[in-house]
Amino acid sequence: SQWLSETGIQDLLTVLAERAERQQK
């Protein structure tokens, strides 16, 4: 998140959470 805005951070974390669930990671 080093260079991301607050919105970018929330989007990134949402994608990572979905990835963890979808791929069982």
mmCIF file of all heavy atoms, coordinates in Angstrom:
data_MODEL
# 
_entry.id   MODEL 
# 
loop_
_atom_site.group_PDB 
_atom_site.id 
_atom_site.type_symbol 
_atom_site.label_atom_id 
_atom_site.label_alt_id 
_atom_site.label_comp_id 
_atom_site.label_asym_id 
_atom_site.label_entity_id 
_atom_site.label_seq_id 
_atom_site.pdbx_PDB_ins_code 
_atom_site.Cartn_x 
_atom_site.Cartn_y 
_atom_site.Cartn_z 
_atom_site.occupancy 
_atom_site.B_iso_or_equiv 
_atom_site.pdbx_formal_charge 
_atom_site.auth_seq_id 
_atom_site.auth_comp_id 
_atom_site.auth_asym_id 
_atom_site.auth_atom_id 
_atom_site.pdbx_PDB_model_num 
ATOM 1   N N   . SER A 1 1  ? 0.808   -1.228  0.000  1.00 0.00 ? 1  SER A N   1 
ATOM 2   C CA  . SER A 1 1  ? 0.000   0.000   0.000  1.00 0.00 ? 1  SER A CA  1 
ATOM 3   C C   . SER A 1 1  ? 0.837   1.271   0.000  1.00 0.00 ? 1  SER A C   1 
ATOM 4   O O   . SER A 1 1  ? 0.284   2.368   0.067  1.00 0.00 ? 1  SER A O   1 
ATOM 5   C CB  . SER A 1 1  ? -0.922  0.013   1.225  1.00 0.00 ? 1  SER A CB  1 
ATOM 6   O OG  . SER A 1 1  ? -0.172  0.256   2.405  1.00 0.00 ? 1  SER A OG  1 
ATOM 7   N N   . GLN A 1 2  ? 2.138   1.130   -0.101 1.00 0.00 ? 2  GLN A N   1 
ATOM 8   C CA  . GLN A 1 2  ? 3.049   2.270   0.068  1.00 0.00 ? 2  GLN A CA  1 
ATOM 9   C C   . GLN A 1 2  ? 2.678   3.487   -0.773 1.00 0.00 ? 2  GLN A C   1 
ATOM 10  O O   . GLN A 1 2  ? 2.727   4.606   -0.293 1.00 0.00 ? 2  GLN A O   1 
ATOM 11  C CB  . GLN A 1 2  ? 4.470   1.826   -0.240 1.00 0.00 ? 2  GLN A CB  1 
ATOM 12  C CG  . GLN A 1 2  ? 5.493   2.904   -0.006 1.00 0.00 ? 2  GLN A CG  1 
ATOM 13  C CD  . GLN A 1 2  ? 6.903   2.404   -0.216 1.00 0.00 ? 2  GLN A CD  1 
ATOM 14  O OE1 . GLN A 1 2  ? 7.126   1.316   -0.691 1.00 0.00 ? 2  GLN A OE1 1 
ATOM 15  N NE2 . GLN A 1 2  ? 7.865   3.227   0.130  1.00 0.00 ? 2  GLN A NE2 1 
ATOM 16  N N   . TRP A 1 3  ? 2.291   3.299   -2.000 1.00 0.00 ? 3  TRP A N   1 
ATOM 17  C CA  . TRP A 1 3  ? 2.029   4.437   -2.880 1.00 0.00 ? 3  TRP A CA  1 
ATOM 18  C C   . TRP A 1 3  ? 0.553   4.576   -3.237 1.00 0.00 ? 3  TRP A C   1 
ATOM 19  O O   . TRP A 1 3  ? 0.204   5.291   -4.170 1.00 0.00 ? 3  TRP A O   1 
ATOM 20  C CB  . TRP A 1 3  ? 2.857   4.327   -4.163 1.00 0.00 ? 3  TRP A CB  1 
ATOM 21  C CG  . TRP A 1 3  ? 4.316   4.202   -3.873 1.00 0.00 ? 3  TRP A CG  1 
ATOM 22  C CD1 . TRP A 1 3  ? 5.080   3.081   -3.979 1.00 0.00 ? 3  TRP A CD1 1 
ATOM 23  C CD2 . TRP A 1 3  ? 5.184   5.221   -3.384 1.00 0.00 ? 3  TRP A CD2 1 
ATOM 24  N NE1 . TRP A 1 3  ? 6.368   3.334   -3.600 1.00 0.00 ? 3  TRP A NE1 1 
ATOM 25  C CE2 . TRP A 1 3  ? 6.465   4.662   -3.222 1.00 0.00 ? 3  TRP A CE2 1 
ATOM 26  C CE3 . TRP A 1 3  ? 5.015   6.562   -3.049 1.00 0.00 ? 3  TRP A CE3 1 
ATOM 27  C CZ2 . TRP A 1 3  ? 7.557   5.379   -2.755 1.00 0.00 ? 3  TRP A CZ2 1 
ATOM 28  C CZ3 . TRP A 1 3  ? 6.113   7.276   -2.591 1.00 0.00 ? 3  TRP A CZ3 1 
ATOM 29  C CH2 . TRP A 1 3  ? 7.351   6.683   -2.457 1.00 0.00 ? 3  TRP A CH2 1 
ATOM 30  N N   . LEU A 1 4  ? -0.319  3.916   -2.482 1.00 0.00 ? 4  LEU A N   1 
ATOM 31  C CA  . LEU A 1 4  ? -1.747  3.935   -2.808 1.00 0.00 ? 4  LEU A CA  1 
ATOM 32  C C   . LEU A 1 4  ? -2.507  4.950   -1.969 1.00 0.00 ? 4  LEU A C   1 
ATOM 33  O O   . LEU A 1 4  ? -2.148  5.239   -0.826 1.00 0.00 ? 4  LEU A O   1 
ATOM 34  C CB  . LEU A 1 4  ? -2.355  2.547   -2.580 1.00 0.00 ? 4  LEU A CB  1 
ATOM 35  C CG  . LEU A 1 4  ? -1.801  1.408   -3.430 1.00 0.00 ? 4  LEU A CG  1 
ATOM 36  C CD1 . LEU A 1 4  ? -2.475  0.104   -3.040 1.00 0.00 ? 4  LEU A CD1 1 
ATOM 37  C CD2 . LEU A 1 4  ? -1.996  1.695   -4.901 1.00 0.00 ? 4  LEU A CD2 1 
ATOM 38  N N   . SER A 1 5  ? -3.595  5.443   -2.535 1.00 0.00 ? 5  SER A N   1 
ATOM 39  C CA  . SER A 1 5  ? -4.517  6.300   -1.783 1.00 0.00 ? 5  SER A CA  1 
ATOM 40  C C   . SER A 1 5  ? -5.333  5.415   -0.848 1.00 0.00 ? 5  SER A C   1 
ATOM 41  O O   . SER A 1 5  ? -5.279  4.177   -0.924 1.00 0.00 ? 5  SER A O   1 
ATOM 42  C CB  . SER A 1 5  ? -5.457  7.016   -2.754 1.00 0.00 ? 5  SER A CB  1 
ATOM 43  O OG  . SER A 1 5  ? -6.298  6.055   -3.386 1.00 0.00 ? 5  SER A OG  1 
ATOM 44  N N   . GLU A 1 6  ? -6.127  6.022   0.010  1.00 0.00 ? 6  GLU A N   1 
ATOM 45  C CA  . GLU A 1 6  ? -6.989  5.241   0.915  1.00 0.00 ? 6  GLU A CA  1 
ATOM 46  C C   . GLU A 1 6  ? -7.954  4.357   0.124  1.00 0.00 ? 6  GLU A C   1 
ATOM 47  O O   . GLU A 1 6  ? -8.187  3.204   0.481  1.00 0.00 ? 6  GLU A O   1 
ATOM 48  C CB  . GLU A 1 6  ? -7.766  6.178   1.843  1.00 0.00 ? 6  GLU A CB  1 
ATOM 49  C CG  . GLU A 1 6  ? -6.886  6.882   2.864  1.00 0.00 ? 6  GLU A CG  1 
ATOM 50  C CD  . GLU A 1 6  ? -6.178  5.909   3.793  1.00 0.00 ? 6  GLU A CD  1 
ATOM 51  O OE1 . GLU A 1 6  ? -6.804  4.929   4.252  1.00 0.00 ? 6  GLU A OE1 1 
ATOM 52  O OE2 . GLU A 1 6  ? -4.988  6.138   4.064  1.00 0.00 ? 6  GLU A OE2 1 
ATOM 53  N N   . THR A 1 7  ? -8.499  4.895   -0.956 1.00 0.00 ? 7  THR A N   1 
ATOM 54  C CA  . THR A 1 7  ? -9.400  4.102   -1.806 1.00 0.00 ? 7  THR A CA  1 
ATOM 55  C C   . THR A 1 7  ? -8.641  2.957   -2.453 1.00 0.00 ? 7  THR A C   1 
ATOM 56  O O   . THR A 1 7  ? -9.136  1.829   -2.504 1.00 0.00 ? 7  THR A O   1 
ATOM 57  C CB  . THR A 1 7  ? -10.041 4.990   -2.891 1.00 0.00 ? 7  THR A CB  1 
ATOM 58  O OG1 . THR A 1 7  ? -10.750 6.052   -2.258 1.00 0.00 ? 7  THR A OG1 1 
ATOM 59  C CG2 . THR A 1 7  ? -10.971 4.188   -3.776 1.00 0.00 ? 7  THR A CG2 1 
ATOM 60  N N   . GLY A 1 8  ? -7.438  3.222   -2.925 1.00 0.00 ? 8  GLY A N   1 
ATOM 61  C CA  . GLY A 1 8  ? -6.609  2.188   -3.533 1.00 0.00 ? 8  GLY A CA  1 
ATOM 62  C C   . GLY A 1 8  ? -6.276  1.082   -2.541 1.00 0.00 ? 8  GLY A C   1 
ATOM 63  O O   . GLY A 1 8  ? -6.264  -0.103  -2.891 1.00 0.00 ? 8  GLY A O   1 
ATOM 64  N N   . ILE A 1 9  ? -6.010  1.458   -1.294 1.00 0.00 ? 9  ILE A N   1 
ATOM 65  C CA  . ILE A 1 9  ? -5.712  0.470   -0.255 1.00 0.00 ? 9  ILE A CA  1 
ATOM 66  C C   . ILE A 1 9  ? -6.923  -0.427  -0.020 1.00 0.00 ? 9  ILE A C   1 
ATOM 67  O O   . ILE A 1 9  ? -6.801  -1.657  0.034  1.00 0.00 ? 9  ILE A O   1 
ATOM 68  C CB  . ILE A 1 9  ? -5.293  1.162   1.056  1.00 0.00 ? 9  ILE A CB  1 
ATOM 69  C CG1 . ILE A 1 9  ? -3.943  1.854   0.876  1.00 0.00 ? 9  ILE A CG1 1 
ATOM 70  C CG2 . ILE A 1 9  ? -5.236  0.151   2.202  1.00 0.00 ? 9  ILE A CG2 1 
ATOM 71  C CD1 . ILE A 1 9  ? -3.561  2.762   2.024  1.00 0.00 ? 9  ILE A CD1 1 
ATOM 72  N N   . GLN A 1 10 ? -8.098  0.177   0.113  1.00 0.00 ? 10 GLN A N   1 
ATOM 73  C CA  . GLN A 1 10 ? -9.311  -0.615  0.334  1.00 0.00 ? 10 GLN A CA  1 
ATOM 74  C C   . GLN A 1 10 ? -9.572  -1.555  -0.835 1.00 0.00 ? 10 GLN A C   1 
ATOM 75  O O   . GLN A 1 10 ? -9.936  -2.720  -0.637 1.00 0.00 ? 10 GLN A O   1 
ATOM 76  C CB  . GLN A 1 10 ? -10.515 0.297   0.584  1.00 0.00 ? 10 GLN A CB  1 
ATOM 77  C CG  . GLN A 1 10 ? -10.452 1.042   1.900  1.00 0.00 ? 10 GLN A CG  1 
ATOM 78  C CD  . GLN A 1 10 ? -10.363 0.111   3.101  1.00 0.00 ? 10 GLN A CD  1 
ATOM 79  O OE1 . GLN A 1 10 ? -11.120 -0.845  3.227  1.00 0.00 ? 10 GLN A OE1 1 
ATOM 80  N NE2 . GLN A 1 10 ? -9.425  0.390   3.990  1.00 0.00 ? 10 GLN A NE2 1 
ATOM 81  N N   . ASP A 1 11 ? -9.361  -1.069  -2.050 1.00 0.00 ? 11 ASP A N   1 
ATOM 82  C CA  . ASP A 1 11 ? -9.544  -1.920  -3.240 1.00 0.00 ? 11 ASP A CA  1 
ATOM 83  C C   . ASP A 1 11 ? -8.547  -3.080  -3.233 1.00 0.00 ? 11 ASP A C   1 
ATOM 84  O O   . ASP A 1 11 ? -8.920  -4.222  -3.512 1.00 0.00 ? 11 ASP A O   1 
ATOM 85  C CB  . ASP A 1 11 ? -9.385  -1.100  -4.518 1.00 0.00 ? 11 ASP A CB  1 
ATOM 86  C CG  . ASP A 1 11 ? -10.533 -0.127  -4.742 1.00 0.00 ? 11 ASP A CG  1 
ATOM 87  O OD1 . ASP A 1 11 ? -11.576 -0.256  -4.069 1.00 0.00 ? 11 ASP A OD1 1 
ATOM 88  O OD2 . ASP A 1 11 ? -10.363 0.776   -5.592 1.00 0.00 ? 11 ASP A OD2 1 
ATOM 89  N N   . LEU A 1 12 ? -7.293  -2.789  -2.932 1.00 0.00 ? 12 LEU A N   1 
ATOM 90  C CA  . LEU A 1 12 ? -6.271  -3.828  -2.885 1.00 0.00 ? 12 LEU A CA  1 
ATOM 91  C C   . LEU A 1 12 ? -6.615  -4.893  -1.849 1.00 0.00 ? 12 LEU A C   1 
ATOM 92  O O   . LEU A 1 12 ? -6.549  -6.097  -2.115 1.00 0.00 ? 12 LEU A O   1 
ATOM 93  C CB  . LEU A 1 12 ? -4.903  -3.222  -2.553 1.00 0.00 ? 12 LEU A CB  1 
ATOM 94  C CG  . LEU A 1 12 ? -3.783  -4.226  -2.258 1.00 0.00 ? 12 LEU A CG  1 
ATOM 95  C CD1 . LEU A 1 12 ? -3.439  -5.033  -3.504 1.00 0.00 ? 12 LEU A CD1 1 
ATOM 96  C CD2 . LEU A 1 12 ? -2.573  -3.516  -1.695 1.00 0.00 ? 12 LEU A CD2 1 
ATOM 97  N N   . LEU A 1 13 ? -6.998  -4.465  -0.649 1.00 0.00 ? 13 LEU A N   1 
ATOM 98  C CA  . LEU A 1 13 ? -7.312  -5.418  0.415  1.00 0.00 ? 13 LEU A CA  1 
ATOM 99  C C   . LEU A 1 13 ? -8.537  -6.264  0.072  1.00 0.00 ? 13 LEU A C   1 
ATOM 100 O O   . LEU A 1 13 ? -8.575  -7.461  0.377  1.00 0.00 ? 13 LEU A O   1 
ATOM 101 C CB  . LEU A 1 13 ? -7.500  -4.683  1.736  1.00 0.00 ? 13 LEU A CB  1 
ATOM 102 C CG  . LEU A 1 13 ? -6.250  -3.964  2.254  1.00 0.00 ? 13 LEU A CG  1 
ATOM 103 C CD1 . LEU A 1 13 ? -6.564  -3.221  3.534  1.00 0.00 ? 13 LEU A CD1 1 
ATOM 104 C CD2 . LEU A 1 13 ? -5.092  -4.923  2.437  1.00 0.00 ? 13 LEU A CD2 1 
ATOM 105 N N   . THR A 1 14 ? -9.505  -5.660  -0.590 1.00 0.00 ? 14 THR A N   1 
ATOM 106 C CA  . THR A 1 14 ? -10.679 -6.417  -1.032 1.00 0.00 ? 14 THR A CA  1 
ATOM 107 C C   . THR A 1 14 ? -10.277 -7.497  -2.028 1.00 0.00 ? 14 THR A C   1 
ATOM 108 O O   . THR A 1 14 ? -10.703 -8.650  -1.917 1.00 0.00 ? 14 THR A O   1 
ATOM 109 C CB  . THR A 1 14 ? -11.723 -5.472  -1.650 1.00 0.00 ? 14 THR A CB  1 
ATOM 110 O OG1 . THR A 1 14 ? -12.139 -4.533  -0.655 1.00 0.00 ? 14 THR A OG1 1 
ATOM 111 C CG2 . THR A 1 14 ? -12.924 -6.233  -2.166 1.00 0.00 ? 14 THR A CG2 1 
ATOM 112 N N   . VAL A 1 15 ? -9.441  -7.137  -2.990 1.00 0.00 ? 15 VAL A N   1 
ATOM 113 C CA  . VAL A 1 15 ? -8.983  -8.105  -3.996 1.00 0.00 ? 15 VAL A CA  1 
ATOM 114 C C   . VAL A 1 15 ? -8.186  -9.229  -3.327 1.00 0.00 ? 15 VAL A C   1 
ATOM 115 O O   . VAL A 1 15 ? -8.372  -10.411 -3.645 1.00 0.00 ? 15 VAL A O   1 
ATOM 116 C CB  . VAL A 1 15 ? -8.149  -7.405  -5.093 1.00 0.00 ? 15 VAL A CB  1 
ATOM 117 C CG1 . VAL A 1 15 ? -7.389  -8.412  -5.937 1.00 0.00 ? 15 VAL A CG1 1 
ATOM 118 C CG2 . VAL A 1 15 ? -9.030  -6.542  -5.958 1.00 0.00 ? 15 VAL A CG2 1 
ATOM 119 N N   . LEU A 1 16 ? -7.299  -8.886  -2.386 1.00 0.00 ? 16 LEU A N   1 
ATOM 120 C CA  . LEU A 1 16 ? -6.505  -9.917  -1.719 1.00 0.00 ? 16 LEU A CA  1 
ATOM 121 C C   . LEU A 1 16 ? -7.368  -10.840 -0.873 1.00 0.00 ? 16 LEU A C   1 
ATOM 122 O O   . LEU A 1 16 ? -7.142  -12.053 -0.830 1.00 0.00 ? 16 LEU A O   1 
ATOM 123 C CB  . LEU A 1 16 ? -5.402  -9.279  -0.876 1.00 0.00 ? 16 LEU A CB  1 
ATOM 124 C CG  . LEU A 1 16 ? -4.287  -8.594  -1.656 1.00 0.00 ? 16 LEU A CG  1 
ATOM 125 C CD1 . LEU A 1 16 ? -3.299  -7.934  -0.700 1.00 0.00 ? 16 LEU A CD1 1 
ATOM 126 C CD2 . LEU A 1 16 ? -3.576  -9.572  -2.574 1.00 0.00 ? 16 LEU A CD2 1 
ATOM 127 N N   . ALA A 1 17 ? -8.367  -10.287 -0.199 1.00 0.00 ? 17 ALA A N   1 
ATOM 128 C CA  . ALA A 1 17 ? -9.278  -11.121 0.599  1.00 0.00 ? 17 ALA A CA  1 
ATOM 129 C C   . ALA A 1 17 ? -10.062 -12.071 -0.301 1.00 0.00 ? 17 ALA A C   1 
ATOM 130 O O   . ALA A 1 17 ? -10.216 -13.264 0.019  1.00 0.00 ? 17 ALA A O   1 
ATOM 131 C CB  . ALA A 1 17 ? -10.230 -10.241 1.412  1.00 0.00 ? 17 ALA A CB  1 
ATOM 132 N N   . GLU A 1 18 ? -10.548 -11.573 -1.414 1.00 0.00 ? 18 GLU A N   1 
ATOM 133 C CA  . GLU A 1 18 ? -11.273 -12.424 -2.367 1.00 0.00 ? 18 GLU A CA  1 
ATOM 134 C C   . GLU A 1 18 ? -10.353 -13.491 -2.944 1.00 0.00 ? 18 GLU A C   1 
ATOM 135 O O   . GLU A 1 18 ? -10.762 -14.642 -3.103 1.00 0.00 ? 18 GLU A O   1 
ATOM 136 C CB  . GLU A 1 18 ? -11.880 -11.576 -3.483 1.00 0.00 ? 18 GLU A CB  1 
ATOM 137 C CG  . GLU A 1 18 ? -13.018 -10.700 -3.012 1.00 0.00 ? 18 GLU A CG  1 
ATOM 138 C CD  . GLU A 1 18 ? -13.471 -9.680  -4.045 1.00 0.00 ? 18 GLU A CD  1 
ATOM 139 O OE1 . GLU A 1 18 ? -12.845 -9.582  -5.135 1.00 0.00 ? 18 GLU A OE1 1 
ATOM 140 O OE2 . GLU A 1 18 ? -14.446 -8.958  -3.762 1.00 0.00 ? 18 GLU A OE2 1 
ATOM 141 N N   . ARG A 1 19 ? -9.117  -13.131 -3.242 1.00 0.00 ? 19 ARG A N   1 
ATOM 142 C CA  . ARG A 1 19 ? -8.143  -14.087 -3.775 1.00 0.00 ? 19 ARG A CA  1 
ATOM 143 C C   . ARG A 1 19 ? -7.868  -15.195 -2.756 1.00 0.00 ? 19 ARG A C   1 
ATOM 144 O O   . ARG A 1 19 ? -7.808  -16.374 -3.108 1.00 0.00 ? 19 ARG A O   1 
ATOM 145 C CB  . ARG A 1 19 ? -6.850  -13.363 -4.129 1.00 0.00 ? 19 ARG A CB  1 
ATOM 146 C CG  . ARG A 1 19 ? -5.753  -14.247 -4.648 1.00 0.00 ? 19 ARG A CG  1 
ATOM 147 C CD  . ARG A 1 19 ? -4.508  -13.400 -4.949 1.00 0.00 ? 19 ARG A CD  1 
ATOM 148 N NE  . ARG A 1 19 ? -3.410  -14.194 -5.422 1.00 0.00 ? 19 ARG A NE  1 
ATOM 149 C CZ  . ARG A 1 19 ? -3.246  -14.599 -6.668 1.00 0.00 ? 19 ARG A CZ  1 
ATOM 150 N NH1 . ARG A 1 19 ? -4.130  -14.243 -7.587 1.00 0.00 ? 19 ARG A NH1 1 
ATOM 151 N NH2 . ARG A 1 19 ? -2.215  -15.327 -7.014 1.00 0.00 ? 19 ARG A NH2 1 
ATOM 152 N N   . ALA A 1 20 ? -7.693  -14.814 -1.500 1.00 0.00 ? 20 ALA A N   1 
ATOM 153 C CA  . ALA A 1 20 ? -7.434  -15.803 -0.447 1.00 0.00 ? 20 ALA A CA  1 
ATOM 154 C C   . ALA A 1 20 ? -8.585  -16.796 -0.351 1.00 0.00 ? 20 ALA A C   1 
ATOM 155 O O   . ALA A 1 20 ? -8.367  -18.010 -0.260 1.00 0.00 ? 20 ALA A O   1 
ATOM 156 C CB  . ALA A 1 20 ? -7.210  -15.102 0.887  1.00 0.00 ? 20 ALA A CB  1 
ATOM 157 N N   . GLU A 1 21 ? -9.795  -16.289 -0.392 1.00 0.00 ? 21 GLU A N   1 
ATOM 158 C CA  . GLU A 1 21 ? -10.966 -17.168 -0.277 1.00 0.00 ? 21 GLU A CA  1 
ATOM 159 C C   . GLU A 1 21 ? -11.137 -18.032 -1.529 1.00 0.00 ? 21 GLU A C   1 
ATOM 160 O O   . GLU A 1 21 ? -11.322 -19.246 -1.430 1.00 0.00 ? 21 GLU A O   1 
ATOM 161 C CB  . GLU A 1 21 ? -12.227 -16.341 -0.049 1.00 0.00 ? 21 GLU A CB  1 
ATOM 162 C CG  . GLU A 1 21 ? -13.438 -17.198 0.197  1.00 0.00 ? 21 GLU A CG  1 
ATOM 163 C CD  . GLU A 1 21 ? -14.654 -16.368 0.545  1.00 0.00 ? 21 GLU A CD  1 
ATOM 164 O OE1 . GLU A 1 21 ? -14.496 -15.283 1.131  1.00 0.00 ? 21 GLU A OE1 1 
ATOM 165 O OE2 . GLU A 1 21 ? -15.765 -16.815 0.222  1.00 0.00 ? 21 GLU A OE2 1 
ATOM 166 N N   . ARG A 1 22 ? -11.052 -17.420 -2.678 1.00 0.00 ? 22 ARG A N   1 
ATOM 167 C CA  . ARG A 1 22 ? -11.276 -18.130 -3.939 1.00 0.00 ? 22 ARG A CA  1 
ATOM 168 C C   . ARG A 1 22 ? -10.232 -19.219 -4.184 1.00 0.00 ? 22 ARG A C   1 
ATOM 169 O O   . ARG A 1 22 ? -10.551 -20.315 -4.627 1.00 0.00 ? 22 ARG A O   1 
ATOM 170 C CB  . ARG A 1 22 ? -11.293 -17.130 -5.096 1.00 0.00 ? 22 ARG A CB  1 
ATOM 171 C CG  . ARG A 1 22 ? -11.637 -17.734 -6.452 1.00 0.00 ? 22 ARG A CG  1 
ATOM 172 C CD  . ARG A 1 22 ? -11.729 -16.677 -7.560 1.00 0.00 ? 22 ARG A CD  1 
ATOM 173 N NE  . ARG A 1 22 ? -10.510 -15.909 -7.720 1.00 0.00 ? 22 ARG A NE  1 
ATOM 174 C CZ  . ARG A 1 22 ? -10.327 -14.639 -7.334 1.00 0.00 ? 22 ARG A CZ  1 
ATOM 175 N NH1 . ARG A 1 22 ? -11.301 -13.967 -6.764 1.00 0.00 ? 22 ARG A NH1 1 
ATOM 176 N NH2 . ARG A 1 22 ? -9.186  -14.021 -7.525 1.00 0.00 ? 22 ARG A NH2 1 
ATOM 177 N N   . GLN A 1 23 ? -8.977  -18.916 -3.873 1.00 0.00 ? 23 GLN A N   1 
ATOM 178 C CA  . GLN A 1 23 ? -7.896  -19.858 -4.155 1.00 0.00 ? 23 GLN A CA  1 
ATOM 179 C C   . GLN A 1 23 ? -7.452  -20.651 -2.924 1.00 0.00 ? 23 GLN A C   1 
ATOM 180 O O   . GLN A 1 23 ? -6.460  -21.368 -2.969 1.00 0.00 ? 23 GLN A O   1 
ATOM 181 C CB  . GLN A 1 23 ? -6.710  -19.117 -4.767 1.00 0.00 ? 23 GLN A CB  1 
ATOM 182 C CG  . GLN A 1 23 ? -7.043  -18.495 -6.099 1.00 0.00 ? 23 GLN A CG  1 
ATOM 183 C CD  . GLN A 1 23 ? -5.834  -17.865 -6.764 1.00 0.00 ? 23 GLN A CD  1 
ATOM 184 O OE1 . GLN A 1 23 ? -4.699  -17.971 -6.305 1.00 0.00 ? 23 GLN A OE1 1 
ATOM 185 N NE2 . GLN A 1 23 ? -6.079  -17.190 -7.876 1.00 0.00 ? 23 GLN A NE2 1 
ATOM 186 N N   . GLN A 1 24 ? -8.190  -20.473 -1.809 1.00 0.00 ? 24 GLN A N   1 
ATOM 187 C CA  . GLN A 1 24 ? -7.856  -21.177 -0.566 1.00 0.00 ? 24 GLN A CA  1 
ATOM 188 C C   . GLN A 1 24 ? -6.391  -20.958 -0.177 1.00 0.00 ? 24 GLN A C   1 
ATOM 189 O O   . GLN A 1 24 ? -5.645  -21.890 0.075  1.00 0.00 ? 24 GLN A O   1 
ATOM 190 C CB  . GLN A 1 24 ? -8.159  -22.673 -0.696 1.00 0.00 ? 24 GLN A CB  1 
ATOM 191 C CG  . GLN A 1 24 ? -9.627  -22.986 -0.905 1.00 0.00 ? 24 GLN A CG  1 
ATOM 192 C CD  . GLN A 1 24 ? -10.457 -22.565 0.299  1.00 0.00 ? 24 GLN A CD  1 
ATOM 193 O OE1 . GLN A 1 24 ? -10.291 -23.093 1.382  1.00 0.00 ? 24 GLN A OE1 1 
ATOM 194 N NE2 . GLN A 1 24 ? -11.343 -21.591 0.112  1.00 0.00 ? 24 GLN A NE2 1 
ATOM 195 N N   . LYS A 1 25 ? -5.996  -19.674 -0.153 1.00 0.00 ? 25 LYS A N   1 
ATOM 196 C CA  . LYS A 1 25 ? -4.619  -19.306 0.162  1.00 0.00 ? 25 LYS A CA  1 
ATOM 197 C C   . LYS A 1 25 ? -4.551  -18.550 1.479  1.00 0.00 ? 25 LYS A C   1 
ATOM 198 O O   . LYS A 1 25 ? -5.522  -17.932 1.900  1.00 0.00 ? 25 LYS A O   1 
ATOM 199 C CB  . LYS A 1 25 ? -4.029  -18.421 -0.936 1.00 0.00 ? 25 LYS A CB  1 
ATOM 200 C CG  . LYS A 1 25 ? -3.776  -19.142 -2.235 1.00 0.00 ? 25 LYS A CG  1 
ATOM 201 C CD  . LYS A 1 25 ? -3.045  -18.246 -3.200 1.00 0.00 ? 25 LYS A CD  1 
ATOM 202 C CE  . LYS A 1 25 ? -2.746  -18.977 -4.477 1.00 0.00 ? 25 LYS A CE  1 
ATOM 203 N NZ  . LYS A 1 25 ? -1.432  -19.582 -4.466 1.00 0.00 ? 25 LYS A NZ  1 
# 
